[in-house]
PDB file of N, CA and C in Angstrom:
ATOM      1  N   MET A   1     131.413  56.146  17.254  1.00  0.00           N
ATOM      2  CA  MET A   1     131.792  56.892  16.189  1.00  0.00           C
ATOM      3  C   MET A   1     130.452  57.444  15.340  1.00  0.00           C
ATOM      4  N   ALA A   2     130.444  58.841  15.416  1.00  0.00           N
ATOM      5  CA  ALA A   2     129.508  59.412  14.796  1.00  0.00           C
ATOM      6  C   ALA A   2     129.372  59.459  12.874  1.00  0.00           C
ATOM      7  N   ILE A   3     128.489  59.333  12.510  1.00  0.00           N
ATOM      8  CA  ILE A   3     128.531  59.529  10.961  1.00  0.00           C
ATOM      9  C   ILE A   3     127.463  60.337  10.643  1.00  0.00           C
ATOM     10  N   ARG A   4     127.956  61.223   9.827  1.00  0.00           N
ATOM     11  CA  ARG A   4     126.929  62.545   9.175  1.00  0.00           C
ATOM     12  C   ARG A   4     126.880  61.819   7.725  1.00  0.00           C
ATOM     13  N   GLN A   5     125.570  61.957   7.324  1.00  0.00           N
ATOM     14  CA  GLN A   5     125.476  61.805   6.116  1.00  0.00           C
ATOM     15  C   GLN A   5     125.522  63.108   5.146  1.00  0.00           C
ATOM     16  N   ARG A   6     125.972  63.039   4.030  1.00  0.00           N
ATOM     17  CA  ARG A   6     125.994  64.187   3.196  1.00  0.00           C
ATOM     18  C   ARG A   6     125.394  63.891   1.825  1.00  0.00           C
ATOM     19  N   MET A   7     124.337  64.890   1.173  1.00  0.00           N
ATOM     20  CA  MET A   7     123.880  64.242  -0.080  1.00  0.00           C
ATOM     21  C   MET A   7     124.908  65.389  -0.880  1.00  0.00           C
ATOM     22  N   PHE A   8     124.980  64.685  -2.114  1.00  0.00           N
ATOM     23  CA  PHE A   8     125.663  65.312  -3.368  1.00  0.00           C
ATOM     24  C   PHE A   8     124.814  65.824  -4.335  1.00  0.00           C
ATOM     25  N   ALA A   9     125.016  67.169  -4.562  1.00  0.00           N
ATOM     26  CA  ALA A   9     124.183  68.105  -5.657  1.00  0.00           C
ATOM     27  C   ALA A   9     125.191  67.993  -6.925  1.00  0.00           C
ATOM     28  N   GLN A  10     124.690  67.681  -8.041  1.00  0.00           N
ATOM     29  CA  GLN A  10     125.498  67.752  -9.136  1.00  0.00           C
ATOM     30  C   GLN A  10     124.767  68.790  -9.972  1.00  0.00           C
ATOM     31  N   VAL A  11     125.315  70.223 -10.107  1.00  0.00           N
ATOM     32  CA  VAL A  11     124.558  71.168 -10.796  1.00  0.00           C
ATOM     33  C   VAL A  11     124.831  71.226 -12.190  1.00  0.00           C
ATOM     34  N   ASP A  12     123.760  71.843 -13.159  1.00  0.00           N
ATOM     35  CA  ASP A  12     123.956  72.047 -14.553  1.00  0.00           C
ATOM     36  C   ASP A  12     124.939  73.390 -14.787  1.00  0.00           C
ATOM     37  N   GLU A  13     126.205  73.357 -14.182  1.00  0.00           N
ATOM     38  CA  GLU A  13     127.062  74.493 -14.486  1.00  0.00           C
ATOM     39  C   GLU A  13     128.406  74.154 -14.555  1.00  0.00           C
ATOM     40  N   SER A  14     129.106  74.811 -15.272  1.00  0.00           N
ATOM     41  CA  SER A  14     130.442  74.521 -15.662  1.00  0.00           C
ATOM     42  C   SER A  14     131.465  75.517 -15.166  1.00  0.00           C
ATOM     43  N   ILE A  15     132.568  75.276 -15.239  1.00  0.00           N
ATOM     44  CA  ILE A  15     133.695  75.862 -14.558  1.00  0.00           C
ATOM     45  C   ILE A  15     134.765  75.845 -15.962  1.00  0.00           C
ATOM     46  N   SER A  16     135.234  77.036 -16.469  1.00  0.00           N
ATOM     47  CA  SER A  16     136.080  77.166 -17.395  1.00  0.00           C
ATOM     48  C   SER A  16     137.030  78.341 -16.757  1.00  0.00           C
ATOM     49  N   VAL A  17     138.393  78.064 -17.516  1.00  0.00           N
ATOM     50  CA  VAL A  17     139.248  79.497 -16.936  1.00  0.00           C
ATOM     51  C   VAL A  17     139.594  79.970 -18.389  1.00  0.00           C
ATOM     52  N   GLN A  18     138.975  79.547 -19.441  1.00  0.00           N
ATOM     53  CA  GLN A  18     139.303  80.225 -20.619  1.00  0.00           C
ATOM     54  C   GLN A  18     139.412  81.567 -20.499  1.00  0.00           C
ATOM     55  N   GLY A  19     140.396  82.604 -21.108  1.00  0.00           N
ATOM     56  CA  GLY A  19     140.503  84.053 -21.069  1.00  0.00           C
ATOM     57  C   GLY A  19     140.393  84.670 -19.733  1.00  0.00           C
ATOM     58  N   LEU A  20     140.726  83.685 -18.839  1.00  0.00           N
ATOM     59  CA  LEU A  20     141.526  84.265 -17.416  1.00  0.00           C
ATOM     60  C   LEU A  20     142.723  84.783 -17.400  1.00  0.00           C
ATOM     61  N   ASN A  21     143.014  85.705 -16.674  1.00  0.00           N
ATOM     62  CA  ASN A  21     144.477  86.036 -16.861  1.00  0.00           C
ATOM     63  C   ASN A  21     145.160  84.801 -15.512  1.00  0.00           C
ATOM     64  N   ASP A  22     146.393  84.778 -15.867  1.00  0.00           N
ATOM     65  CA  ASP A  22     147.213  83.864 -14.954  1.00  0.00           C
ATOM     66  C   ASP A  22     147.244  84.428 -13.564  1.00  0.00           C
ATOM     67  N   GLY A  23     147.265  83.636 -12.525  1.00  0.00           N
ATOM     68  CA  GLY A  23     147.107  83.660 -11.317  1.00  0.00           C
ATOM     69  C   GLY A  23     146.016  82.955 -10.512  1.00  0.00           C
ATOM     70  N   ARG A  24     146.027  83.685  -9.528  1.00  0.00           N
ATOM     71  CA  ARG A  24     144.799  82.979  -8.499  1.00  0.00           C
ATOM     72  C   ARG A  24     143.356  83.585  -8.826  1.00  0.00           C
ATOM     73  N   GLN A  25     142.236  82.940  -9.273  1.00  0.00           N
ATOM     74  CA  GLN A  25     141.006  83.480  -9.862  1.00  0.00           C
ATOM     75  C   GLN A  25     140.039  82.843  -9.074  1.00  0.00           C
ATOM     76  N   VAL A  26     138.895  83.637  -8.779  1.00  0.00           N
ATOM     77  CA  VAL A  26     137.700  82.718  -8.136  1.00  0.00           C
ATOM     78  C   VAL A  26     136.882  82.400  -9.639  1.00  0.00           C
ATOM     79  N   VAL A  27     136.772  81.245  -9.600  1.00  0.00           N
ATOM     80  CA  VAL A  27     135.788  80.720 -10.779  1.00  0.00           C
ATOM     81  C   VAL A  27     134.371  80.364 -10.657  1.00  0.00           C
ATOM     82  N   LYS A  28     133.933  80.311  -9.152  1.00  0.00           N
ATOM     83  CA  LYS A  28     132.412  80.015  -9.018  1.00  0.00           C
ATOM     84  C   LYS A  28     132.516  80.255  -7.504  1.00  0.00           C
ATOM     85  N   VAL A  29     131.181  80.828  -7.329  1.00  0.00           N
ATOM     86  CA  VAL A  29     130.733  80.914  -5.968  1.00  0.00           C
ATOM     87  C   VAL A  29     129.557  80.220  -5.664  1.00  0.00           C
ATOM     88  N   THR A  30     129.299  79.341  -4.698  1.00  0.00           N
ATOM     89  CA  THR A  30     128.346  78.281  -4.466  1.00  0.00           C
ATOM     90  C   THR A  30     127.137  79.446  -3.927  1.00  0.00           C
ATOM     91  N   PRO A  31     125.986  78.629  -3.844  1.00  0.00           N
ATOM     92  CA  PRO A  31     124.824  79.494  -3.310  1.00  0.00           C
ATOM     93  C   PRO A  31     125.032  79.862  -1.816  1.00  0.00           C
ATOM     94  N   GLY A  32     125.742  79.257  -1.004  1.00  0.00           N
ATOM     95  CA  GLY A  32     126.261  79.540   0.358  1.00  0.00           C
ATOM     96  C   GLY A  32     127.264  80.513   0.605  1.00  0.00           C
ATOM     97  N   GLY A  33     128.014  80.996  -0.603  1.00  0.00           N
ATOM     98  CA  GLY A  33     129.064  81.756  -0.520  1.00  0.00           C
ATOM     99  C   GLY A  33     130.809  80.842  -0.643  1.00  0.00           C
ATOM    100  N   ALA A  34     130.524  79.861  -0.609  1.00  0.00           N
ATOM    101  CA  ALA A  34     131.895  79.008  -1.042  1.00  0.00           C
ATOM    102  C   ALA A  34     132.506  79.523  -2.191  1.00  0.00           C
ATOM    103  N   LYS A  35     133.796  79.546  -2.147  1.00  0.00           N
ATOM    104  CA  LYS A  35     134.394  80.179  -3.548  1.00  0.00           C
ATOM    105  C   LYS A  35     135.479  78.847  -4.168  1.00  0.00           C
ATOM    106  N   ILE A  36     135.095  78.568  -5.243  1.00  0.00           N
ATOM    107  CA  ILE A  36     136.066  77.570  -5.798  1.00  0.00           C
ATOM    108  C   ILE A  36     137.283  78.763  -6.696  1.00  0.00           C
ATOM    109  N   VAL A  37     138.634  78.098  -6.335  1.00  0.00           N
ATOM    110  CA  VAL A  37     139.609  78.981  -7.054  1.00  0.00           C
ATOM    111  C   VAL A  37     140.338  78.097  -7.912  1.00  0.00           C
ATOM    112  N   ALA A  38     140.747  78.856  -9.040  1.00  0.00           N
ATOM    113  CA  ALA A  38     141.680  78.158  -9.814  1.00  0.00           C
ATOM    114  C   ALA A  38     142.941  78.682  -9.857  1.00  0.00           C
ATOM    115  N   TYR A  39     144.054  78.271  -9.935  1.00  0.00           N
ATOM    116  CA  TYR A  39     145.239  78.726 -10.253  1.00  0.00           C
ATOM    117  C   TYR A  39     145.500  78.705 -11.721  1.00  0.00           C
ATOM    118  N   VAL A  40     145.581  79.731 -12.387  1.00  0.00           N
ATOM    119  CA  VAL A  40     145.677  79.490 -13.773  1.00  0.00           C
ATOM    120  C   VAL A  40     147.106  80.209 -14.011  1.00  0.00           C
ATOM    121  N   SER A  41     147.916  79.257 -15.199  1.00  0.00           N
ATOM    122  CA  SER A  41     149.121  79.481 -15.648  1.00  0.00           C
ATOM    123  C   SER A  41     149.097  78.985 -17.138  1.00  0.00           C
ATOM    124  N   ASP A  42     149.423  80.015 -17.943  1.00  0.00           N
ATOM    125  CA  ASP A  42     149.632  80.148 -19.214  1.00  0.00           C
ATOM    126  C   ASP A  42     148.246  79.474 -20.086  1.00  0.00           C
ATOM    127  N   GLY A  43     147.074  80.139 -19.213  1.00  0.00           N
ATOM    128  CA  GLY A  43     145.842  80.043 -19.914  1.00  0.00           C
ATOM    129  C   GLY A  43     145.304  78.689 -19.493  1.00  0.00           C
ATOM    130  N   LYS A  44     145.954  78.083 -18.446  1.00  0.00           N
ATOM    131  CA  LYS A  44     145.453  76.462 -18.242  1.00  0.00           C
ATOM    132  C   LYS A  44     145.210  76.501 -16.662  1.00  0.00           C
ATOM    133  N   ALA A  45     144.351  75.764 -16.194  1.00  0.00           N
ATOM    134  CA  ALA A  45     144.017  75.490 -14.609  1.00  0.00           C
ATOM    135  C   ALA A  45     145.213  74.468 -14.299  1.00  0.00           C
ATOM    136  N   SER A  46     146.020  75.077 -13.066  1.00  0.00           N
ATOM    137  CA  SER A  46     147.030  73.953 -12.765  1.00  0.00           C
ATOM    138  C   SER A  46     146.669  73.271 -11.465  1.00  0.00           C
ATOM    139  N   ARG A  47     145.655  73.729 -10.697  1.00  0.00           N
ATOM    140  CA  ARG A  47     145.089  73.236  -9.439  1.00  0.00           C
ATOM    141  C   ARG A  47     143.644  74.030  -9.015  1.00  0.00           C
ATOM    142  N   TYR A  48     143.204  73.536  -8.198  1.00  0.00           N
ATOM    143  CA  TYR A  48     141.801  74.276  -7.907  1.00  0.00           C
ATOM    144  C   TYR A  48     141.826  74.150  -6.227  1.00  0.00           C
ATOM    145  N   GLU A  49     141.249  75.125  -5.478  1.00  0.00           N
ATOM    146  CA  GLU A  49     141.130  74.760  -4.158  1.00  0.00           C
ATOM    147  C   GLU A  49     139.653  75.575  -3.801  1.00  0.00           C
ATOM    148  N   ALA A  50     139.170  75.391  -2.496  1.00  0.00           N
ATOM    149  CA  ALA A  50     137.974  76.218  -2.139  1.00  0.00           C
ATOM    150  C   ALA A  50     138.245  76.673  -1.021  1.00  0.00           C
ATOM    151  N   GLU A  51     137.272  77.976  -0.675  1.00  0.00           N
ATOM    152  CA  GLU A  51     136.996  78.639   0.527  1.00  0.00           C
ATOM    153  C   GLU A  51     136.213  78.972   1.031  1.00  0.00           C
ATOM    154  N   SER A  52     135.693  78.807   2.503  1.00  0.00           N
ATOM    155  CA  SER A  52     134.542  79.037   3.144  1.00  0.00           C
ATOM    156  C   SER A  52     134.164  80.483   2.925  1.00  0.00           C
ATOM    157  N   PRO A  53     132.944  80.951   3.057  1.00  0.00           N
ATOM    158  CA  PRO A  53     132.689  82.300   3.072  1.00  0.00           C
ATOM    159  C   PRO A  53     133.366  83.297   3.710  1.00  0.00           C
ATOM    160  N   ASP A  54     133.956  82.986   4.892  1.00  0.00           N
ATOM    161  CA  ASP A  54     134.793  83.790   5.576  1.00  0.00           C
ATOM    162  C   ASP A  54     136.402  83.515   5.474  1.00  0.00           C
ATOM    163  N   GLY A  55     136.412  83.033   4.126  1.00  0.00           N
ATOM    164  CA  GLY A  55     137.860  82.994   3.566  1.00  0.00           C
ATOM    165  C   GLY A  55     138.832  82.205   3.998  1.00  0.00           C
ATOM    166  N   LYS A  56     138.307  80.988   4.779  1.00  0.00           N
ATOM    167  CA  LYS A  56     139.290  79.859   5.433  1.00  0.00           C
ATOM    168  C   LYS A  56     139.002  78.981   4.228  1.00  0.00           C
ATOM    169  N   ARG A  57     140.418  77.942   4.249  1.00  0.00           N
ATOM    170  CA  ARG A  57     140.338  77.052   3.234  1.00  0.00           C
ATOM    171  C   ARG A  57     139.413  75.800   3.693  1.00  0.00           C
ATOM    172  N   GLN A  58     138.702  75.290   2.702  1.00  0.00           N
ATOM    173  CA  GLN A  58     137.951  73.876   2.775  1.00  0.00           C
ATOM    174  C   GLN A  58     137.977  72.966   1.863  1.00  0.00           C
ATOM    175  N   ALA A  59     137.521  71.850   2.270  1.00  0.00           N
ATOM    176  CA  ALA A  59     137.960  70.831   1.382  1.00  0.00           C
ATOM    177  C   ALA A  59     137.159  70.855   0.013  1.00  0.00           C
ATOM    178  N   LEU A  60     138.054  70.386  -0.952  1.00  0.00           N
ATOM    179  CA  LEU A  60     137.476  70.303  -2.453  1.00  0.00           C
ATOM    180  C   LEU A  60     137.949  69.099  -2.776  1.00  0.00           C
ATOM    181  N   PHE A  61     137.248  68.509  -3.518  1.00  0.00           N
ATOM    182  CA  PHE A  61     137.960  67.068  -4.301  1.00  0.00           C
ATOM    183  C   PHE A  61     137.533  67.212  -5.572  1.00  0.00           C
ATOM    184  N   GLY A  62     138.221  66.308  -6.355  1.00  0.00           N
ATOM    185  CA  GLY A  62     137.698  66.052  -7.912  1.00  0.00           C
ATOM    186  C   GLY A  62     137.385  64.668  -8.139  1.00  0.00           C
ATOM    187  N   ILE A  63     136.554  64.748  -8.944  1.00  0.00           N
ATOM    188  CA  ILE A  63     136.215  63.486  -9.741  1.00  0.00           C
ATOM    189  C   ILE A  63     136.655  63.256 -11.067  1.00  0.00           C
ATOM    190  N   VAL A  64     137.470  62.398 -11.516  1.00  0.00           N
ATOM    191  CA  VAL A  64     138.076  62.323 -12.779  1.00  0.00           C
ATOM    192  C   VAL A  64     137.970  60.931 -13.398  1.00  0.00           C
ATOM    193  N   PRO A  65     137.291  61.033 -14.208  1.00  0.00           N
ATOM    194  CA  PRO A  65     136.833  59.685 -15.002  1.00  0.00           C
ATOM    195  C   PRO A  65     137.893  59.342 -15.873  1.00  0.00           C
ATOM    196  N   ASP A  66     138.365  58.017 -15.423  1.00  0.00           N
ATOM    197  CA  ASP A  66     139.276  57.467 -16.444  1.00  0.00           C
ATOM    198  C   ASP A  66     138.850  57.169 -18.209  1.00  0.00           C
ATOM    199  N   SER A  67     139.947  56.887 -18.894  1.00  0.00           N
ATOM    200  CA  SER A  67     139.202  56.663 -20.250  1.00  0.00           C
ATOM    201  C   SER A  67     138.470  55.298 -20.437  1.00  0.00           C
ATOM    202  N   ALA A  68     138.744  54.466 -19.516  1.00  0.00           N
ATOM    203  CA  ALA A  68     137.982  53.084 -19.645  1.00  0.00           C
ATOM    204  C   ALA A  68     136.434  53.363 -19.438  1.00  0.00           C
ATOM    205  N   ASP A  69     136.048  54.524 -18.376  1.00  0.00           N
ATOM    206  CA  ASP A  69     134.833  54.379 -17.823  1.00  0.00           C
ATOM    207  C   ASP A  69     134.153  56.069 -17.687  1.00  0.00           C
ATOM    208  N   SER A  70     134.097  56.805 -18.884  1.00  0.00           N
ATOM    209  CA  SER A  70     133.769  58.077 -18.934  1.00  0.00           C
ATOM    210  C   SER A  70     132.249  58.382 -18.224  1.00  0.00           C
ATOM    211  N   SER A  71     131.466  57.289 -17.867  1.00  0.00           N
ATOM    212  CA  SER A  71     130.168  57.505 -17.400  1.00  0.00           C
ATOM    213  C   SER A  71     130.248  57.507 -15.945  1.00  0.00           C
ATOM    214  N   VAL A  72     131.602  57.816 -15.149  1.00  0.00           N
ATOM    215  CA  VAL A  72     131.557  58.294 -13.915  1.00  0.00           C
ATOM    216  C   VAL A  72     130.656  59.391 -13.588  1.00  0.00           C
ATOM    217  N   THR A  73     131.149  60.311 -14.450  1.00  0.00           N
ATOM    218  CA  THR A  73     130.438  61.656 -14.359  1.00  0.00           C
ATOM    219  C   THR A  73     129.346  61.811 -15.269  1.00  0.00           C
ATOM    220  N   PRO A  74     128.097  62.626 -14.884  1.00  0.00           N
ATOM    221  CA  PRO A  74     126.861  62.609 -15.861  1.00  0.00           C
ATOM    222  C   PRO A  74     127.307  62.978 -17.115  1.00  0.00           C
ATOM    223  N   ASP A  75     128.604  64.146 -17.550  1.00  0.00           N
ATOM    224  CA  ASP A  75     128.641  64.339 -18.852  1.00  0.00           C
ATOM    225  C   ASP A  75     130.197  63.660 -19.388  1.00  0.00           C
ATOM    226  N   GLY A  76     130.874  63.054 -18.554  1.00  0.00           N
ATOM    227  CA  GLY A  76     131.996  62.369 -18.734  1.00  0.00           C
ATOM    228  C   GLY A  76     133.442  63.054 -18.471  1.00  0.00           C
ATOM    229  N   LEU A  77     133.033  64.095 -18.128  1.00  0.00           N
ATOM    230  CA  LEU A  77     134.212  65.194 -17.833  1.00  0.00           C
ATOM    231  C   LEU A  77     134.632  65.291 -16.504  1.00  0.00           C
ATOM    232  N   CYS A  78     135.695  66.050 -16.058  1.00  0.00           N
ATOM    233  CA  CYS A  78     136.120  66.332 -14.599  1.00  0.00           C
ATOM    234  C   CYS A  78     135.233  66.882 -14.031  1.00  0.00           C
ATOM    235  N   GLU A  79     134.870  66.840 -12.663  1.00  0.00           N
ATOM    236  CA  GLU A  79     134.118  67.588 -11.592  1.00  0.00           C
ATOM    237  C   GLU A  79     135.023  67.919 -10.182  1.00  0.00           C
ATOM    238  N   VAL A  80     134.425  69.329 -10.072  1.00  0.00           N
ATOM    239  CA  VAL A  80     135.179  69.730  -8.240  1.00  0.00           C
ATOM    240  C   VAL A  80     133.987  69.727  -7.879  1.00  0.00           C
ATOM    241  N   CYS A  81     134.368  69.404  -6.434  1.00  0.00           N
ATOM    242  CA  CYS A  81     132.928  69.278  -5.391  1.00  0.00           C
ATOM    243  C   CYS A  81     133.513  69.960  -4.234  1.00  0.00           C
ATOM    244  N   THR A  82     132.572  70.550  -3.368  1.00  0.00           N
ATOM    245  CA  THR A  82     132.947  71.123  -2.073  1.00  0.00           C
ATOM    246  C   THR A  82     131.571  71.373  -1.316  1.00  0.00           C
ATOM    247  N   PHE A  83     131.793  71.470  -0.100  1.00  0.00           N
ATOM    248  CA  PHE A  83     130.600  71.575   0.856  1.00  0.00           C
ATOM    249  C   PHE A  83     129.925  72.960   0.718  1.00  0.00           C
ATOM    250  N   ASP A  84     128.384  73.195   0.371  1.00  0.00           N
ATOM    251  CA  ASP A  84     127.932  74.272   0.638  1.00  0.00           C
ATOM    252  C   ASP A  84     126.720  74.274   1.776  1.00  0.00           C
ATOM    253  N   GLU A  85     127.234  75.469   2.721  1.00  0.00           N
ATOM    254  CA  GLU A  85     126.140  75.511   3.833  1.00  0.00           C
ATOM    255  C   GLU A  85     125.142  75.433   3.713  1.00  0.00           C
ATOM    256  N   ILE A  86     124.678  76.651   2.622  1.00  0.00           N
ATOM    257  CA  ILE A  86     123.107  76.778   2.554  1.00  0.00           C
ATOM    258  C   ILE A  86     122.314  75.321   2.046  1.00  0.00           C
ATOM    259  N   ALA A  87     122.863  75.080   1.093  1.00  0.00           N
ATOM    260  CA  ALA A  87     122.470  73.604   0.469  1.00  0.00           C
ATOM    261  C   ALA A  87     122.493  72.671   1.265  1.00  0.00           C
ATOM    262  N   GLY A  88     123.170  72.554   2.273  1.00  0.00           N
ATOM    263  CA  GLY A  88     123.552  71.552   3.245  1.00  0.00           C
ATOM    264  C   GLY A  88     124.006  70.281   2.557  1.00  0.00           C
ATOM    265  N   SER A  89     124.664  70.288   1.368  1.00  0.00           N
ATOM    266  CA  SER A  89     125.222  69.422   0.883  1.00  0.00           C
ATOM    267  C   SER A  89     126.609  69.791   0.096  1.00  0.00           C
ATOM    268  N   VAL A  90     127.045  68.592  -0.561  1.00  0.00           N
ATOM    269  CA  VAL A  90     128.283  68.803  -1.474  1.00  0.00           C
ATOM    270  C   VAL A  90     127.916  69.043  -2.837  1.00  0.00           C
ATOM    271  N   ILE A  91     128.211  70.002  -3.402  1.00  0.00           N
ATOM    272  CA  ILE A  91     128.151  70.758  -4.754  1.00  0.00           C
ATOM    273  C   ILE A  91     128.856  70.037  -5.342  1.00  0.00           C
ATOM    274  N   CYS A  92     128.720  69.801  -6.818  1.00  0.00           N
ATOM    275  CA  CYS A  92     129.796  69.597  -7.808  1.00  0.00           C
ATOM    276  C   CYS A  92     129.609  70.190  -9.052  1.00  0.00           C
ATOM    277  N   TYR A  93     130.589  70.901  -9.721  1.00  0.00           N
ATOM    278  CA  TYR A  93     130.690  71.543 -10.763  1.00  0.00           C
ATOM    279  C   TYR A  93     131.173  70.746 -12.036  1.00  0.00           C
ATOM    280  N   THR A  94     131.028  70.950 -13.044  1.00  0.00           N
ATOM    281  CA  THR A  94     131.881  70.155 -14.219  1.00  0.00           C
ATOM    282  C   THR A  94     132.992  71.314 -14.736  1.00  0.00           C
ATOM    283  N   LEU A  95     134.259  70.527 -14.695  1.00  0.00           N
ATOM    284  CA  LEU A  95     135.209  71.427 -15.178  1.00  0.00           C
ATOM    285  C   LEU A  95     135.500  71.129 -16.683  1.00  0.00           C
ATOM    286  N   ILE A  96     135.491  72.573 -17.624  1.00  0.00           N
ATOM    287  CA  ILE A  96     135.552  72.372 -19.076  1.00  0.00           C
ATOM    288  C   ILE A  96     137.169  71.862 -19.230  1.00  0.00           C
ATOM    289  N   GLU A  97     138.130  72.448 -18.280  1.00  0.00           N
ATOM    290  CA  GLU A  97     139.521  72.157 -18.564  1.00  0.00           C
ATOM    291  C   GLU A  97     140.240  71.382 -17.308  1.00  0.00           C
ATOM    292  N   CYS A  98     140.276  70.234 -17.284  1.00  0.00           N
ATOM    293  CA  CYS A  98     140.947  69.525 -16.129  1.00  0.00           C
ATOM    294  C   CYS A  98     142.246  69.793 -15.888  1.00  0.00           C
ATOM    295  N   PRO A  99     142.281  69.999 -14.812  1.00  0.00           N
ATOM    296  CA  PRO A  99     144.176  70.304 -14.489  1.00  0.00           C
ATOM    297  C   PRO A  99     145.025  69.139 -14.500  1.00  0.00           C
ATOM    298  N   PRO A 100     146.000  69.059 -14.902  1.00  0.00           N
ATOM    299  CA  PRO A 100     146.803  67.787 -14.880  1.00  0.00           C
ATOM    300  C   PRO A 100     146.846  66.733 -13.599  1.00  0.00           C
ATOM    301  N   PHE A 101     146.628  65.557 -13.908  1.00  0.00           N
ATOM    302  CA  PHE A 101     146.578  64.975 -12.749  1.00  0.00           C
ATOM    303  C   PHE A 101     148.243  64.540 -12.226  1.00  0.00           C
ATOM    304  N   ALA A 102     148.338  64.672 -10.903  1.00  0.00           N
ATOM    305  CA  ALA A 102     149.665  64.890 -10.284  1.00  0.00           C
ATOM    306  C   ALA A 102     149.770  63.658  -9.620  1.00  0.00           C
ATOM    307  N   GLY A 103     148.928  62.678  -9.575  1.00  0.00           N
ATOM    308  CA  GLY A 103     149.276  61.505  -8.955  1.00  0.00           C
ATOM    309  C   GLY A 103     148.944  61.701  -7.668  1.00  0.00           C
ATOM    310  N   PRO A 104     149.214  60.516  -6.821  1.00  0.00           N
ATOM    311  CA  PRO A 104     149.344  60.610  -5.334  1.00  0.00           C
ATOM    312  C   PRO A 104     150.430  61.112  -4.697  1.00  0.00           C
ATOM    313  N   LYS A 105     150.267  61.894  -3.650  1.00  0.00           N
ATOM    314  CA  LYS A 105     151.119  62.873  -3.114  1.00  0.00           C
ATOM    315  C   LYS A 105     151.525  62.104  -1.782  1.00  0.00           C
ATOM    316  N   LYS A 106     152.880  61.899  -1.507  1.00  0.00           N
ATOM    317  CA  LYS A 106     153.164  61.197  -0.319  1.00  0.00           C
ATOM    318  C   LYS A 106     153.387  62.272   0.803  1.00  0.00           C
ATOM    319  N   MET A 107     152.829  61.812   1.819  1.00  0.00           N
ATOM    320  CA  MET A 107     152.820  62.964   3.030  1.00  0.00           C
ATOM    321  C   MET A 107     152.962  61.754   4.472  1.00  0.00           C
ATOM    322  N   GLY A 108     154.435  62.248   4.751  1.00  0.00           N
ATOM    323  CA  GLY A 108     154.914  61.372   5.660  1.00  0.00           C
ATOM    324  C   GLY A 108     155.066  59.925   5.198  1.00  0.00           C
ATOM    325  N   GLU A 109     154.527  58.849   6.163  1.00  0.00           N
ATOM    326  CA  GLU A 109     154.507  57.633   5.736  1.00  0.00           C
ATOM    327  C   GLU A 109     153.307  57.213   5.141  1.00  0.00           C
ATOM    328  N   HIS A 110     152.432  58.242   4.542  1.00  0.00           N
ATOM    329  CA  HIS A 110     151.112  57.691   3.864  1.00  0.00           C
ATOM    330  C   HIS A 110     151.356  58.684   2.608  1.00  0.00           C
ATOM    331  N   PHE A 111     150.867  57.701   1.550  1.00  0.00           N
ATOM    332  CA  PHE A 111     150.064  58.410   0.391  1.00  0.00           C
ATOM    333  C   PHE A 111     149.169  59.296   0.365  1.00  0.00           C
TER     334      PHE A 111
END
């Protein structure tokens, strides 16, 4: 089994969908060119995705502190993270508007 080590970089930048039109909107581009995309509906983010610089979908994950421990993230807010090729690390950005939590999704026999 090969294990790859990845560093996390929590940048002092935030993402907001305030004032954006409904639809699919690029809300952040990482130094390496990866795009973070928000799906906006009625002025609110319904979900986020990430794309590699060549337009292919890439992993994006969220960090959502629960009300019991808002110190999970540096500012107590939600974050989205994706890999950046130039930085060689996972970069996390603060979300000003967290999308609604959909809970675990069942995929086949797994959640």
